[in-house]
């Protein structure tokens, strides 16, 4: 392809329409499609985590802030976790944003904090959270 010596000329109207334009001469642009989300609606158990204390309390990680507390679901296969499947809310623990990041692997564990000790603290936190959920009437006795 040969390069032209003259640059392309800019025009005022890119549609090639001249003169006075009426509203009917413009084509309506297509509305972008909404992205379908697969998020389930907030359950009562997940909503109960708001303003609760972190039960995970990983040493050297926890920020002890109640405004960042969410329900942290288990990542263990024995608790029902699978590929594309989240463990049930009953197998979760209240955790602050920093403990949740360490539990899910988004942040590194501190030096000397092993995976086994993290899992044992998570299981203790699940037991504490289940006790709190029973007290709130959101979880029936086993």
Protein backbone atom coordinates (compact mmCIF):
# COMPACT_ATOMS: atom_id res chain seq x y z
CA UNK A 1 0.00 0.00 0.00
CA UNK A 2 1.31 3.40 -0.96
CA UNK A 3 1.47 6.19 1.57
CA UNK A 4 -0.24 9.39 0.64
CA UNK A 5 1.65 12.63 0.91
CA UNK A 6 -1.48 14.46 1.99
CA UNK A 7 -2.83 13.81 5.48
CA UNK A 8 -6.45 12.82 5.84
CA UNK A 9 -8.86 15.70 6.11
CA UNK A 10 -11.03 16.03 9.21
CA UNK A 11 -14.66 16.83 8.72
CA UNK A 12 -17.10 18.42 11.09
CA UNK A 13 -19.60 15.59 10.87
CA UNK A 14 -18.39 12.01 10.85
CA UNK A 15 -21.77 10.74 9.59
CA UNK A 16 -21.48 12.58 6.30
CA UNK A 17 -24.65 14.54 7.00
CA UNK A 18 -24.65 18.21 6.16
CA UNK A 19 -26.97 21.01 7.02
CA UNK A 20 -29.44 21.04 9.86
CA UNK A 21 -29.96 17.65 11.44
CA UNK A 22 -33.20 16.53 12.93
CA UNK A 23 -33.41 14.15 15.83
CA UNK A 24 -34.79 11.46 13.53
CA UNK A 25 -31.64 11.43 11.43
CA UNK A 26 -29.51 10.13 14.27
CA UNK A 27 -29.49 6.41 14.82
CA UNK A 28 -29.80 5.34 18.40
CA UNK A 29 -26.74 3.58 19.62
CA UNK A 30 -27.28 0.19 21.11
CA UNK A 31 -27.39 0.08 24.86
CA UNK A 32 -24.55 -2.02 26.27
CA UNK A 33 -25.73 -5.37 27.55
CA UNK A 34 -25.82 -5.72 31.27
CA UNK A 35 -23.35 -8.15 32.68
CA UNK A 36 -25.10 -10.98 34.40
CA UNK A 37 -23.69 -11.61 37.81
CA UNK A 38 -23.76 -14.94 39.51
CA UNK A 39 -23.66 -13.53 43.00
CA UNK A 40 -26.22 -14.97 45.30
CA UNK A 41 -28.21 -12.49 47.33
CA UNK A 42 -26.87 -11.68 50.76
CA UNK A 43 -28.04 -14.31 53.23
CA UNK A 44 -28.95 -13.59 56.83
CA UNK A 45 -25.82 -15.37 58.03
CA UNK A 46 -23.55 -13.32 55.75
CA UNK A 47 -25.34 -10.12 56.73
CA UNK A 48 -24.89 -10.97 60.42
CA UNK A 49 -21.12 -10.50 60.06
CA UNK A 50 -21.50 -6.74 59.83
CA UNK A 51 -19.94 -4.99 62.84
CA UNK A 52 -18.97 -8.29 64.51
CA UNK A 53 -15.53 -8.93 65.96
CA UNK A 54 -13.05 -10.97 63.97
CA UNK A 55 -13.02 -14.55 65.27
CA UNK A 56 -10.02 -15.59 63.16
CA UNK A 57 -7.52 -13.25 64.85
CA UNK A 58 -4.44 -14.52 63.01
CA UNK A 59 -1.33 -13.39 64.93
CA UNK A 60 0.49 -10.53 63.24
CA UNK A 61 -2.30 -10.14 60.67
CA UNK A 62 -5.57 -9.13 62.33
CA UNK A 63 -6.49 -5.44 62.34
CA UNK A 64 -9.29 -5.92 64.96
CA UNK A 65 -11.58 -3.57 63.00
CA UNK A 66 -15.27 -4.44 63.13
CA UNK A 67 -16.17 -2.32 60.10
CA UNK A 68 -14.32 -4.70 57.74
CA UNK A 69 -15.73 -7.96 59.11
CA UNK A 70 -17.22 -10.42 56.61
CA UNK A 71 -18.14 -14.09 56.66
CA UNK A 72 -15.06 -16.07 55.53
CA UNK A 73 -16.05 -19.35 53.89
CA UNK A 74 -14.00 -22.48 54.31
CA UNK A 75 -11.56 -23.45 51.55
CA UNK A 76 -11.43 -27.09 52.61
CA UNK A 77 -12.86 -29.90 50.52
CA UNK A 78 -14.18 -31.61 53.64
CA UNK A 79 -16.41 -28.59 54.27
CA UNK A 80 -18.03 -28.72 50.84
CA UNK A 81 -15.72 -26.43 48.88
CA UNK A 82 -15.21 -27.40 45.26
CA UNK A 83 -14.27 -25.98 41.89
CA UNK A 84 -16.71 -23.12 41.41
CA UNK A 85 -18.59 -24.13 44.56
CA UNK A 86 -18.46 -22.13 47.76
CA UNK A 87 -18.70 -23.91 51.10
CA UNK A 88 -22.00 -23.37 52.93
CA UNK A 89 -22.38 -20.35 55.20
CA UNK A 90 -22.56 -22.64 58.23
CA UNK A 91 -18.90 -23.57 57.63
CA UNK A 92 -17.70 -19.96 57.78
CA UNK A 93 -16.13 -17.70 60.36
CA UNK A 94 -16.28 -13.97 60.99
CA UNK A 95 -13.05 -12.37 59.85
CA UNK A 96 -11.60 -8.92 59.24
CA UNK A 97 -10.41 -8.02 55.76
CA UNK A 98 -6.74 -8.77 56.52
CA UNK A 99 -7.38 -12.20 58.05
CA UNK A 100 -9.73 -13.00 55.16
CA UNK A 101 -7.01 -12.11 52.63
CA UNK A 102 -4.50 -14.40 54.35
CA UNK A 103 -7.03 -17.22 54.61
CA UNK A 104 -7.92 -17.03 50.91
CA UNK A 105 -4.30 -16.65 49.80
CA UNK A 106 -4.54 -13.08 48.52
CA UNK A 107 -1.95 -12.01 51.10
CA UNK A 108 1.11 -13.84 52.41
CA UNK A 109 1.14 -15.50 55.78
CA UNK A 110 3.56 -13.92 58.26
CA UNK A 111 6.89 -15.57 58.89
CA UNK A 112 6.49 -18.52 61.25
CA UNK A 113 2.72 -18.80 60.74
CA UNK A 114 2.25 -22.23 59.16
CA UNK A 115 -0.66 -23.44 57.06
CA UNK A 116 -1.57 -26.05 59.71
CA UNK A 117 -1.76 -23.45 62.47
CA UNK A 118 -3.87 -21.22 60.21
CA UNK A 119 -6.33 -24.08 59.58
CA UNK A 120 -6.53 -24.95 63.28
CA UNK A 121 -7.26 -21.28 64.13
CA UNK A 122 -9.88 -21.22 61.36
CA UNK A 123 -11.64 -24.29 62.78
CA UNK A 124 -11.70 -22.70 66.25
CA UNK A 125 -13.12 -19.52 64.70
CA UNK A 126 -15.83 -21.54 62.92
CA UNK A 127 -16.85 -23.01 66.29
CA UNK A 128 -17.01 -19.51 67.85
CA UNK A 129 -18.98 -18.14 64.90
CA UNK A 130 -21.44 -21.04 65.02
CA UNK A 131 -22.01 -20.33 68.73
CA UNK A 132 -22.71 -16.67 67.92
CA UNK A 133 -25.07 -17.66 65.09
CA UNK A 134 -26.99 -19.96 67.45
CA UNK A 135 -27.24 -17.13 69.96
CA UNK A 136 -28.63 -14.84 67.22
CA UNK A 137 -31.14 -17.52 66.21
CA UNK A 138 -29.72 -17.90 62.70
CA UNK A 139 -28.45 -21.43 63.15
CA UNK A 140 -30.41 -24.32 64.57
CA UNK A 141 -28.74 -26.72 66.98
CA UNK A 142 -27.08 -29.74 65.44
